[in-house]
Every structure is written in C-alpha cells, then in structure tokens.
Amino acid sequence: MNPAVEQIVSSDEAARTTVQHAEKEAAKLIDDAEKKSRSMLAALEEQIKETERRDILPIVSGGRQQAELTIEQAEQYIKMLRQKFALKKTKIIAAFINNVVKTGMD
C-alpha cells in the first residue's frame, strides 16, 4: 500500500477512535450531570418539605386552632343571646298577662 494512503487510513482510524472516545466521555459527562441534577432536585424538594414542616404547617395549624376557638366563642355567644331572648320573652309575656289581669279587675 502507498505510504500516503496508509498514513491517511491510519489518521482516519485515529480520528475515529478519538471521536468514539470523545462520544463516550461526553455520554459519561451527560450521565453524571443528570445524576447530579436529580440529586440536587431531590435535596431541594426535601428542603421545601422541611420548610413547610418548620414554617408553614405551624402557621396553618395555629390558624385552624384560632378559627375553632372563634367558632366555639361564637356558638357560646349565640347560646347566651338565645337564653337572654327566652328570658326577656318570658318577662314580656308575664308582664302582658299581669297587665291584662289588672285591666280586667279594674
């Protein structure tokens, strides 16, 4: 074979080997980057969950407790108003009957 042709074939094989090696290296770098990004994403998701547990859930829980307390207080107030209304109604009826009886006796 002609030395120039042999040199071209040898250079072509070397270039092909270099390209294959570069492709393998690039694939490895891409795989490593994907693994690292998945790991970072998992760490960020865990950080978000921790922030929710530490900062947000106590606020929501406190709000829920306050709402329950407010509802309970409102129910007690309504109960008290109903009792006052019933008492006043009874007093009004008694006063009316008393007035009717007095008027009928006069």
PDB file of N, CA and C in Angstrom:
ATOM      1  N   MET A   1       0.848  -1.164   0.000  1.00  0.00           N
ATOM      2  CA  MET A   1       0.000   0.000   0.000  1.00  0.00           C
ATOM      3  C   MET A   1       0.893   1.225   0.000  1.00  0.00           C
ATOM      4  N   ASN A   2       0.374   2.234  -0.582  1.00  0.00           N
ATOM      5  CA  ASN A   2       1.088   3.503  -0.709  1.00  0.00           C
ATOM      6  C   ASN A   2       1.228   4.115   0.683  1.00  0.00           C
ATOM      7  N   PRO A   3       2.438   4.614   1.027  1.00  0.00           N
ATOM      8  CA  PRO A   3       2.644   5.193   2.354  1.00  0.00           C
ATOM      9  C   PRO A   3       1.701   6.365   2.620  1.00  0.00           C
ATOM     10  N   ALA A   4       1.373   7.154   1.636  1.00  0.00           N
ATOM     11  CA  ALA A   4       0.471   8.291   1.834  1.00  0.00           C
ATOM     12  C   ALA A   4      -0.933   7.788   2.146  1.00  0.00           C
ATOM     13  N   VAL A   5      -1.354   6.731   1.441  1.00  0.00           N
ATOM     14  CA  VAL A   5      -2.669   6.160   1.678  1.00  0.00           C
ATOM     15  C   VAL A   5      -2.709   5.516   3.062  1.00  0.00           C
ATOM     16  N   GLU A   6      -1.617   4.823   3.412  1.00  0.00           N
ATOM     17  CA  GLU A   6      -1.543   4.213   4.736  1.00  0.00           C
ATOM     18  C   GLU A   6      -1.623   5.278   5.829  1.00  0.00           C
ATOM     19  N   GLN A   7      -0.970   6.394   5.578  1.00  0.00           N
ATOM     20  CA  GLN A   7      -0.985   7.483   6.558  1.00  0.00           C
ATOM     21  C   GLN A   7      -2.405   8.060   6.675  1.00  0.00           C
ATOM     22  N   ILE A   8      -3.113   8.198   5.561  1.00  0.00           N
ATOM     23  CA  ILE A   8      -4.479   8.723   5.570  1.00  0.00           C
ATOM     24  C   ILE A   8      -5.391   7.748   6.317  1.00  0.00           C
ATOM     25  N   VAL A   9      -5.269   6.440   6.021  1.00  0.00           N
ATOM     26  CA  VAL A   9      -6.094   5.426   6.681  1.00  0.00           C
ATOM     27  C   VAL A   9      -5.785   5.415   8.175  1.00  0.00           C
ATOM     28  N   SER A  10      -4.520   5.482   8.530  1.00  0.00           N
ATOM     29  CA  SER A  10      -4.117   5.494   9.935  1.00  0.00           C
ATOM     30  C   SER A  10      -4.660   6.734  10.651  1.00  0.00           C
ATOM     31  N   SER A  11      -4.572   7.871   9.984  1.00  0.00           N
ATOM     32  CA  SER A  11      -5.089   9.118  10.561  1.00  0.00           C
ATOM     33  C   SER A  11      -6.602   9.043  10.723  1.00  0.00           C
ATOM     34  N   ASP A  12      -7.277   8.449   9.729  1.00  0.00           N
ATOM     35  CA  ASP A  12      -8.731   8.306   9.781  1.00  0.00           C
ATOM     36  C   ASP A  12      -9.130   7.394  10.943  1.00  0.00           C
ATOM     37  N   GLU A  13      -8.415   6.297  11.133  1.00  0.00           N
ATOM     38  CA  GLU A  13      -8.709   5.387  12.241  1.00  0.00           C
ATOM     39  C   GLU A  13      -8.433   6.068  13.589  1.00  0.00           C
ATOM     40  N   ALA A  14      -7.368   6.831  13.656  1.00  0.00           N
ATOM     41  CA  ALA A  14      -7.048   7.553  14.887  1.00  0.00           C
ATOM     42  C   ALA A  14      -8.132   8.589  15.187  1.00  0.00           C
ATOM     43  N   ALA A  15      -8.583   9.276  14.141  1.00  0.00           N
ATOM     44  CA  ALA A  15      -9.636  10.276  14.314  1.00  0.00           C
ATOM     45  C   ALA A  15     -10.927   9.587  14.754  1.00  0.00           C
ATOM     46  N   ARG A  16     -11.244   8.468  14.154  1.00  0.00           N
ATOM     47  CA  ARG A  16     -12.457   7.724  14.510  1.00  0.00           C
ATOM     48  C   ARG A  16     -12.374   7.264  15.970  1.00  0.00           C
ATOM     49  N   THR A  17     -11.224   6.767  16.372  1.00  0.00           N
ATOM     50  CA  THR A  17     -11.024   6.337  17.760  1.00  0.00           C
ATOM     51  C   THR A  17     -11.154   7.522  18.711  1.00  0.00           C
ATOM     52  N   THR A  18     -10.587   8.665  18.324  1.00  0.00           N
ATOM     53  CA  THR A  18     -10.678   9.875  19.150  1.00  0.00           C
ATOM     54  C   THR A  18     -12.126  10.330  19.273  1.00  0.00           C
ATOM     55  N   VAL A  19     -12.866  10.281  18.181  1.00  0.00           N
ATOM     56  CA  VAL A  19     -14.275  10.678  18.193  1.00  0.00           C
ATOM     57  C   VAL A  19     -15.076   9.722  19.071  1.00  0.00           C
ATOM     58  N   GLN A  20     -14.835   8.427  18.946  1.00  0.00           N
ATOM     59  CA  GLN A  20     -15.547   7.450  19.775  1.00  0.00           C
ATOM     60  C   GLN A  20     -15.245   7.674  21.262  1.00  0.00           C
ATOM     61  N   HIS A  21     -13.983   7.925  21.544  1.00  0.00           N
ATOM     62  CA  HIS A  21     -13.589   8.195  22.928  1.00  0.00           C
ATOM     63  C   HIS A  21     -14.274   9.476  23.431  1.00  0.00           C
ATOM     64  N   ALA A  22     -14.319  10.505  22.599  1.00  0.00           N
ATOM     65  CA  ALA A  22     -14.962  11.764  22.971  1.00  0.00           C
ATOM     66  C   ALA A  22     -16.467  11.563  23.178  1.00  0.00           C
ATOM     67  N   GLU A  23     -17.082  10.755  22.315  1.00  0.00           N
ATOM     68  CA  GLU A  23     -18.514  10.478  22.464  1.00  0.00           C
ATOM     69  C   GLU A  23     -18.796   9.749  23.780  1.00  0.00           C
ATOM     70  N   LYS A  24     -17.932   8.769  24.101  1.00  0.00           N
ATOM     71  CA  LYS A  24     -18.092   8.045  25.366  1.00  0.00           C
ATOM     72  C   LYS A  24     -17.902   8.989  26.553  1.00  0.00           C
ATOM     73  N   GLU A  25     -16.904   9.842  26.464  1.00  0.00           N
ATOM     74  CA  GLU A  25     -16.635  10.806  27.539  1.00  0.00           C
ATOM     75  C   GLU A  25     -17.801  11.790  27.680  1.00  0.00           C
ATOM     76  N   ALA A  26     -18.349  12.249  26.546  1.00  0.00           N
ATOM     77  CA  ALA A  26     -19.483  13.168  26.576  1.00  0.00           C
ATOM     78  C   ALA A  26     -20.707  12.487  27.182  1.00  0.00           C
ATOM     79  N   ALA A  27     -20.940  11.235  26.810  1.00  0.00           N
ATOM     80  CA  ALA A  27     -22.074  10.492  27.360  1.00  0.00           C
ATOM     81  C   ALA A  27     -21.911  10.328  28.870  1.00  0.00           C
ATOM     82  N   LYS A  28     -20.684  10.053  29.310  1.00  0.00           N
ATOM     83  CA  LYS A  28     -20.420   9.920  30.742  1.00  0.00           C
ATOM     84  C   LYS A  28     -20.656  11.250  31.453  1.00  0.00           C
ATOM     85  N   LEU A  29     -20.192  12.348  30.875  1.00  0.00           N
ATOM     86  CA  LEU A  29     -20.390  13.670  31.481  1.00  0.00           C
ATOM     87  C   LEU A  29     -21.885  14.016  31.558  1.00  0.00           C
ATOM     88  N   ILE A  30     -22.622  13.687  30.497  1.00  0.00           N
ATOM     89  CA  ILE A  30     -24.063  13.948  30.486  1.00  0.00           C
ATOM     90  C   ILE A  30     -24.755  13.110  31.552  1.00  0.00           C
ATOM     91  N   ASP A  31     -24.384  11.839  31.652  1.00  0.00           N
ATOM     92  CA  ASP A  31     -24.967  10.958  32.664  1.00  0.00           C
ATOM     93  C   ASP A  31     -24.661  11.479  34.074  1.00  0.00           C
ATOM     94  N   ASP A  32     -23.414  11.882  34.294  1.00  0.00           N
ATOM     95  CA  ASP A  32     -23.036  12.439  35.604  1.00  0.00           C
ATOM     96  C   ASP A  32     -23.820  13.712  35.912  1.00  0.00           C
ATOM     97  N   ALA A  33     -23.993  14.555  34.908  1.00  0.00           N
ATOM     98  CA  ALA A  33     -24.732  15.803  35.097  1.00  0.00           C
ATOM     99  C   ALA A  33     -26.205  15.506  35.415  1.00  0.00           C
ATOM    100  N   GLU A  34     -26.791  14.526  34.739  1.00  0.00           N
ATOM    101  CA  GLU A  34     -28.175  14.150  35.020  1.00  0.00           C
ATOM    102  C   GLU A  34     -28.322  13.613  36.436  1.00  0.00           C
ATOM    103  N   LYS A  35     -27.365  12.761  36.856  1.00  0.00           N
ATOM    104  CA  LYS A  35     -27.408  12.224  38.218  1.00  0.00           C
ATOM    105  C   LYS A  35     -27.282  13.353  39.241  1.00  0.00           C
ATOM    106  N   LYS A  36     -26.379  14.274  38.983  1.00  0.00           N
ATOM    107  CA  LYS A  36     -26.171  15.389  39.906  1.00  0.00           C
ATOM    108  C   LYS A  36     -27.414  16.277  39.961  1.00  0.00           C
ATOM    109  N   SER A  37     -28.030  16.536  38.807  1.00  0.00           N
ATOM    110  CA  SER A  37     -29.227  17.383  38.798  1.00  0.00           C
ATOM    111  C   SER A  37     -30.382  16.695  39.517  1.00  0.00           C
ATOM    112  N   ARG A  38     -30.525  15.369  39.358  1.00  0.00           N
ATOM    113  CA  ARG A  38     -31.569  14.634  40.082  1.00  0.00           C
ATOM    114  C   ARG A  38     -31.308  14.692  41.589  1.00  0.00           C
ATOM    115  N   SER A  39     -30.048  14.552  41.961  1.00  0.00           N
ATOM    116  CA  SER A  39     -29.690  14.636  43.377  1.00  0.00           C
ATOM    117  C   SER A  39     -29.974  16.023  43.940  1.00  0.00           C
ATOM    118  N   MET A  40     -29.622  17.059  43.185  1.00  0.00           N
ATOM    119  CA  MET A  40     -29.885  18.428  43.625  1.00  0.00           C
ATOM    120  C   MET A  40     -31.386  18.683  43.735  1.00  0.00           C
ATOM    121  N   LEU A  41     -32.147  18.185  42.774  1.00  0.00           N
ATOM    122  CA  LEU A  41     -33.600  18.348  42.788  1.00  0.00           C
ATOM    123  C   LEU A  41     -34.198  17.655  44.009  1.00  0.00           C
ATOM    124  N   ALA A  42     -33.733  16.439  44.300  1.00  0.00           N
ATOM    125  CA  ALA A  42     -34.231  15.719  45.480  1.00  0.00           C
ATOM    126  C   ALA A  42     -33.898  16.487  46.757  1.00  0.00           C
ATOM    127  N   ALA A  43     -32.690  17.050  46.827  1.00  0.00           N
ATOM    128  CA  ALA A  43     -32.302  17.832  48.004  1.00  0.00           C
ATOM    129  C   ALA A  43     -33.159  19.082  48.134  1.00  0.00           C
ATOM    130  N   LEU A  44     -33.442  19.744  47.020  1.00  0.00           N
ATOM    131  CA  LEU A  44     -34.296  20.931  47.062  1.00  0.00           C
ATOM    132  C   LEU A  44     -35.726  20.584  47.465  1.00  0.00           C
ATOM    133  N   GLU A  45     -36.232  19.473  46.956  1.00  0.00           N
ATOM    134  CA  GLU A  45     -37.585  19.045  47.334  1.00  0.00           C
ATOM    135  C   GLU A  45     -37.652  18.744  48.822  1.00  0.00           C
ATOM    136  N   GLU A  46     -36.609  18.107  49.356  1.00  0.00           N
ATOM    137  CA  GLU A  46     -36.562  17.829  50.788  1.00  0.00           C
ATOM    138  C   GLU A  46     -36.477  19.124  51.587  1.00  0.00           C
ATOM    139  N   GLN A  47     -35.730  20.076  51.074  1.00  0.00           N
ATOM    140  CA  GLN A  47     -35.622  21.373  51.742  1.00  0.00           C
ATOM    141  C   GLN A  47     -36.976  22.085  51.762  1.00  0.00           C
ATOM    142  N   ILE A  48     -37.712  21.995  50.666  1.00  0.00           N
ATOM    143  CA  ILE A  48     -39.046  22.594  50.602  1.00  0.00           C
ATOM    144  C   ILE A  48     -39.973  21.918  51.612  1.00  0.00           C
ATOM    145  N   LYS A  49     -39.925  20.579  51.674  1.00  0.00           N
ATOM    146  CA  LYS A  49     -40.761  19.854  52.639  1.00  0.00           C
ATOM    147  C   LYS A  49     -40.411  20.254  54.065  1.00  0.00           C
ATOM    148  N   GLU A  50     -39.126  20.382  54.345  1.00  0.00           N
ATOM    149  CA  GLU A  50     -38.688  20.784  55.684  1.00  0.00           C
ATOM    150  C   GLU A  50     -39.164  22.194  56.013  1.00  0.00           C
ATOM    151  N   THR A  51     -39.089  23.087  55.038  1.00  0.00           N
ATOM    152  CA  THR A  51     -39.576  24.455  55.238  1.00  0.00           C
ATOM    153  C   THR A  51     -41.076  24.442  55.520  1.00  0.00           C
ATOM    154  N   GLU A  52     -41.813  23.625  54.782  1.00  0.00           N
ATOM    155  CA  GLU A  52     -43.252  23.504  55.033  1.00  0.00           C
ATOM    156  C   GLU A  52     -43.507  23.009  56.444  1.00  0.00           C
ATOM    157  N   ARG A  53     -42.789  21.953  56.850  1.00  0.00           N
ATOM    158  CA  ARG A  53     -42.985  21.401  58.197  1.00  0.00           C
ATOM    159  C   ARG A  53     -42.610  22.421  59.272  1.00  0.00           C
ATOM    160  N   ARG A  54     -41.521  23.127  59.065  1.00  0.00           N
ATOM    161  CA  ARG A  54     -40.993  24.025  60.086  1.00  0.00           C
ATOM    162  C   ARG A  54     -41.722  25.365  60.119  1.00  0.00           C
ATOM    163  N   ASP A  55     -42.038  25.932  58.954  1.00  0.00           N
ATOM    164  CA  ASP A  55     -42.549  27.302  58.904  1.00  0.00           C
ATOM    165  C   ASP A  55     -44.031  27.411  58.561  1.00  0.00           C
ATOM    166  N   ILE A  56     -44.500  26.626  57.616  1.00  0.00           N
ATOM    167  CA  ILE A  56     -45.852  26.815  57.105  1.00  0.00           C
ATOM    168  C   ILE A  56     -46.888  26.047  57.936  1.00  0.00           C
ATOM    169  N   LEU A  57     -46.616  24.782  58.248  1.00  0.00           N
ATOM    170  CA  LEU A  57     -47.597  23.990  58.976  1.00  0.00           C
ATOM    171  C   LEU A  57     -47.955  24.577  60.340  1.00  0.00           C
ATOM    172  N   PRO A  58     -46.982  25.106  61.110  1.00  0.00           N
ATOM    173  CA  PRO A  58     -47.379  25.730  62.382  1.00  0.00           C
ATOM    174  C   PRO A  58     -48.318  26.923  62.188  1.00  0.00           C
ATOM    175  N   ILE A  59     -48.112  27.679  61.142  1.00  0.00           N
ATOM    176  CA  ILE A  59     -48.991  28.828  60.873  1.00  0.00           C
ATOM    177  C   ILE A  59     -50.390  28.339  60.535  1.00  0.00           C
ATOM    178  N   VAL A  60     -50.478  27.352  59.667  1.00  0.00           N
ATOM    179  CA  VAL A  60     -51.779  26.799  59.271  1.00  0.00           C
ATOM    180  C   VAL A  60     -52.457  26.164  60.483  1.00  0.00           C
ATOM    181  N   SER A  61     -51.696  25.427  61.269  1.00  0.00           N
ATOM    182  CA  SER A  61     -52.247  24.782  62.456  1.00  0.00           C
ATOM    183  C   SER A  61     -52.745  25.829  63.451  1.00  0.00           C
ATOM    184  N   GLY A  62     -51.958  26.868  63.656  1.00  0.00           N
ATOM    185  CA  GLY A  62     -52.364  27.947  64.560  1.00  0.00           C
ATOM    186  C   GLY A  62     -53.615  28.648  64.054  1.00  0.00           C
ATOM    187  N   GLY A  63     -53.686  28.860  62.761  1.00  0.00           N
ATOM    188  CA  GLY A  63     -54.867  29.483  62.159  1.00  0.00           C
ATOM    189  C   GLY A  63     -56.100  28.613  62.341  1.00  0.00           C
ATOM    190  N   ARG A  64     -55.920  27.323  62.164  1.00  0.00           N
ATOM    191  CA  ARG A  64     -57.036  26.385  62.335  1.00  0.00           C
ATOM    192  C   ARG A  64     -57.511  26.394  63.791  1.00  0.00           C
ATOM    193  N   GLN A  65     -56.563  26.375  64.720  1.00  0.00           N
ATOM    194  CA  GLN A  65     -56.929  26.405  66.140  1.00  0.00           C
ATOM    195  C   GLN A  65     -57.649  27.703  66.490  1.00  0.00           C
ATOM    196  N   GLN A  66     -57.168  28.806  65.953  1.00  0.00           N
ATOM    197  CA  GLN A  66     -57.809  30.095  66.215  1.00  0.00           C
ATOM    198  C   GLN A  66     -59.218  30.114  65.638  1.00  0.00           C
ATOM    199  N   ALA A  67     -59.384  29.556  64.446  1.00  0.00           N
ATOM    200  CA  ALA A  67     -60.710  29.502  63.824  1.00  0.00           C
ATOM    201  C   ALA A  67     -61.661  28.649  64.666  1.00  0.00           C
ATOM    202  N   GLU A  68     -61.177  27.514  65.159  1.00  0.00           N
ATOM    203  CA  GLU A  68     -62.011  26.656  66.004  1.00  0.00           C
ATOM    204  C   GLU A  68     -62.401  27.381  67.291  1.00  0.00           C
ATOM    205  N   LEU A  69     -61.460  28.105  67.879  1.00  0.00           N
ATOM    206  CA  LEU A  69     -61.745  28.871  69.093  1.00  0.00           C
ATOM    207  C   LEU A  69     -62.784  29.959  68.808  1.00  0.00           C
ATOM    208  N   THR A  70     -62.630  30.638  67.687  1.00  0.00           N
ATOM    209  CA  THR A  70     -63.583  31.695  67.311  1.00  0.00           C
ATOM    210  C   THR A  70     -64.978  31.110  67.111  1.00  0.00           C
ATOM    211  N   ILE A  71     -65.062  29.965  66.454  1.00  0.00           N
ATOM    212  CA  ILE A  71     -66.356  29.306  66.245  1.00  0.00           C
ATOM    213  C   ILE A  71     -66.970  28.929  67.591  1.00  0.00           C
ATOM    214  N   GLU A  72     -66.162  28.378  68.472  1.00  0.00           N
ATOM    215  CA  GLU A  72     -66.658  27.997  69.794  1.00  0.00           C
ATOM    216  C   GLU A  72     -67.165  29.220  70.563  1.00  0.00           C
ATOM    217  N   GLN A  73     -66.408  30.316  70.496  1.00  0.00           N
ATOM    218  CA  GLN A  73     -66.833  31.547  71.172  1.00  0.00           C
ATOM    219  C   GLN A  73     -68.123  32.086  70.567  1.00  0.00           C
ATOM    220  N   ALA A  74     -68.236  32.022  69.251  1.00  0.00           N
ATOM    221  CA  ALA A  74     -69.446  32.494  68.577  1.00  0.00           C
ATOM    222  C   ALA A  74     -70.649  31.642  68.987  1.00  0.00           C
ATOM    223  N   GLU A  75     -70.457  30.340  69.082  1.00  0.00           N
ATOM    224  CA  GLU A  75     -71.538  29.454  69.491  1.00  0.00           C
ATOM    225  C   GLU A  75     -71.970  29.753  70.927  1.00  0.00           C
ATOM    226  N   GLN A  76     -71.008  30.015  71.795  1.00  0.00           N
ATOM    227  CA  GLN A  76     -71.331  30.370  73.188  1.00  0.00           C
ATOM    228  C   GLN A  76     -72.100  31.691  73.237  1.00  0.00           C
ATOM    229  N   TYR A  77     -71.688  32.654  72.428  1.00  0.00           N
ATOM    230  CA  TYR A  77     -72.358  33.952  72.391  1.00  0.00           C
ATOM    231  C   TYR A  77     -73.794  33.803  71.893  1.00  0.00           C
ATOM    232  N   ILE A  78     -73.975  33.015  70.850  1.00  0.00           N
ATOM    233  CA  ILE A  78     -75.317  32.765  70.313  1.00  0.00           C
ATOM    234  C   ILE A  78     -76.186  32.080  71.367  1.00  0.00           C
ATOM    235  N   LYS A  79     -75.631  31.122  72.077  1.00  0.00           N
ATOM    236  CA  LYS A  79     -76.363  30.430  73.136  1.00  0.00           C
ATOM    237  C   LYS A  79     -76.801  31.419  74.215  1.00  0.00           C
ATOM    238  N   MET A  80     -75.887  32.316  74.609  1.00  0.00           N
ATOM    239  CA  MET A  80     -76.195  33.318  75.623  1.00  0.00           C
ATOM    240  C   MET A  80     -77.303  34.258  75.129  1.00  0.00           C
ATOM    241  N   LEU A  81     -77.216  34.677  73.863  1.00  0.00           N
ATOM    242  CA  LEU A  81     -78.253  35.548  73.308  1.00  0.00           C
ATOM    243  C   LEU A  81     -79.614  34.847  73.288  1.00  0.00           C
ATOM    244  N   ARG A  82     -79.638  33.579  72.954  1.00  0.00           N
ATOM    245  CA  ARG A  82     -80.896  32.822  72.936  1.00  0.00           C
ATOM    246  C   ARG A  82     -81.483  32.734  74.349  1.00  0.00           C
ATOM    247  N   GLN A  83     -80.609  32.524  75.324  1.00  0.00           N
ATOM    248  CA  GLN A  83     -81.078  32.462  76.710  1.00  0.00           C
ATOM    249  C   GLN A  83     -81.655  33.815  77.144  1.00  0.00           C
ATOM    250  N   LYS A  84     -80.957  34.902  76.802  1.00  0.00           N
ATOM    251  CA  LYS A  84     -81.453  36.240  77.139  1.00  0.00           C
ATOM    252  C   LYS A  84     -82.791  36.505  76.445  1.00  0.00           C
ATOM    253  N   PHE A  85     -82.871  36.120  75.193  1.00  0.00           N
ATOM    254  CA  PHE A  85     -84.110  36.321  74.439  1.00  0.00           C
ATOM    255  C   PHE A  85     -85.253  35.541  75.088  1.00  0.00           C
ATOM    256  N   ALA A  86     -85.004  34.292  75.450  1.00  0.00           N
ATOM    257  CA  ALA A  86     -86.045  33.465  76.077  1.00  0.00           C
ATOM    258  C   ALA A  86     -86.479  34.086  77.405  1.00  0.00           C
ATOM    259  N   LEU A  87     -85.524  34.580  78.193  1.00  0.00           N
ATOM    260  CA  LEU A  87     -85.848  35.203  79.473  1.00  0.00           C
ATOM    261  C   LEU A  87     -86.676  36.473  79.274  1.00  0.00           C
ATOM    262  N   LYS A  88     -86.250  37.307  78.341  1.00  0.00           N
ATOM    263  CA  LYS A  88     -86.991  38.549  78.077  1.00  0.00           C
ATOM    264  C   LYS A  88     -88.382  38.244  77.531  1.00  0.00           C
ATOM    265  N   LYS A  89     -88.467  37.242  76.700  1.00  0.00           N
ATOM    266  CA  LYS A  89     -89.764  36.846  76.139  1.00  0.00           C
ATOM    267  C   LYS A  89     -90.693  36.414  77.270  1.00  0.00           C
ATOM    268  N   THR A  90     -90.152  35.630  78.187  1.00  0.00           N
ATOM    269  CA  THR A  90     -90.946  35.184  79.335  1.00  0.00           C
ATOM    270  C   THR A  90     -91.389  36.369  80.180  1.00  0.00           C
ATOM    271  N   LYS A  91     -90.476  37.312  80.423  1.00  0.00           N
ATOM    272  CA  LYS A  91     -90.806  38.508  81.205  1.00  0.00           C
ATOM    273  C   LYS A  91     -91.863  39.357  80.499  1.00  0.00           C
ATOM    274  N   ILE A  92     -91.748  39.503  79.202  1.00  0.00           N
ATOM    275  CA  ILE A  92     -92.710  40.295  78.432  1.00  0.00           C
ATOM    276  C   ILE A  92     -94.087  39.641  78.496  1.00  0.00           C
ATOM    277  N   ILE A  93     -94.131  38.332  78.323  1.00  0.00           N
ATOM    278  CA  ILE A  93     -95.412  37.612  78.379  1.00  0.00           C
ATOM    279  C   ILE A  93     -96.014  37.730  79.776  1.00  0.00           C
ATOM    280  N   ALA A  94     -95.188  37.582  80.810  1.00  0.00           N
ATOM    281  CA  ALA A  94     -95.678  37.694  82.192  1.00  0.00           C
ATOM    282  C   ALA A  94     -96.210  39.099  82.451  1.00  0.00           C
ATOM    283  N   ALA A  95     -95.481  40.114  81.981  1.00  0.00           N
ATOM    284  CA  ALA A  95     -95.934  41.496  82.170  1.00  0.00           C
ATOM    285  C   ALA A  95     -97.227  41.739  81.415  1.00  0.00           C
ATOM    286  N   PHE A  96     -97.352  41.198  80.221  1.00  0.00           N
ATOM    287  CA  PHE A  96     -98.575  41.362  79.429  1.00  0.00           C
ATOM    288  C   PHE A  96     -99.758  40.715  80.141  1.00  0.00           C
ATOM    289  N   ILE A  97     -99.539  39.487  80.602  1.00  0.00           N
ATOM    290  CA  ILE A  97    -100.620  38.779  81.312  1.00  0.00           C
ATOM    291  C   ILE A  97    -100.994  39.543  82.573  1.00  0.00           C
ATOM    292  N   ASN A  98    -100.002  40.022  83.281  1.00  0.00           N
ATOM    293  CA  ASN A  98    -100.242  40.799  84.501  1.00  0.00           C
ATOM    294  C   ASN A  98    -101.059  42.044  84.190  1.00  0.00           C
ATOM    295  N   ASN A  99    -100.729  42.747  83.107  1.00  0.00           N
ATOM    296  CA  ASN A  99    -101.462  43.940  82.700  1.00  0.00           C
ATOM    297  C   ASN A  99    -102.904  43.599  82.314  1.00  0.00           C
ATOM    298  N   VAL A 100    -103.080  42.489  81.605  1.00  0.00           N
ATOM    299  CA  VAL A 100    -104.415  42.063  81.194  1.00  0.00           C
ATOM    300  C   VAL A 100    -105.248  41.726  82.427  1.00  0.00           C
ATOM    301  N   VAL A 101    -104.647  41.014  83.356  1.00  0.00           N
ATOM    302  CA  VAL A 101    -105.358  40.622  84.572  1.00  0.00           C
ATOM    303  C   VAL A 101    -105.724  41.861  85.365  1.00  0.00           C
ATOM    304  N   LYS A 102    -104.793  42.821  85.516  1.00  0.00           N
ATOM    305  CA  LYS A 102    -105.063  44.054  86.251  1.00  0.00           C
ATOM    306  C   LYS A 102    -106.154  44.851  85.563  1.00  0.00           C
ATOM    307  N   THR A 103    -106.101  44.912  84.230  1.00  0.00           N
ATOM    308  CA  THR A 103    -107.092  45.680  83.487  1.00  0.00           C
ATOM    309  C   THR A 103    -108.455  45.031  83.628  1.00  0.00           C
ATOM    310  N   GLY A 104    -108.513  43.722  83.625  1.00  0.00           N
ATOM    311  CA  GLY A 104    -109.769  43.010  83.762  1.00  0.00           C
ATOM    312  C   GLY A 104    -110.344  43.143  85.146  1.00  0.00           C
ATOM    313  N   MET A 105    -109.548  43.391  86.165  1.00  0.00           N
ATOM    314  CA  MET A 105    -110.022  43.516  87.542  1.00  0.00           C
ATOM    315  C   MET A 105    -110.455  44.950  87.830  1.00  0.00           C
ATOM    316  N   ASP A 106    -110.031  45.851  87.061  1.00  0.00           N
ATOM    317  CA  ASP A 106    -110.381  47.266  87.329  1.00  0.00           C
ATOM    318  C   ASP A 106    -111.737  47.584  86.851  1.00  0.00           C
TER     319      ASP A 106
END
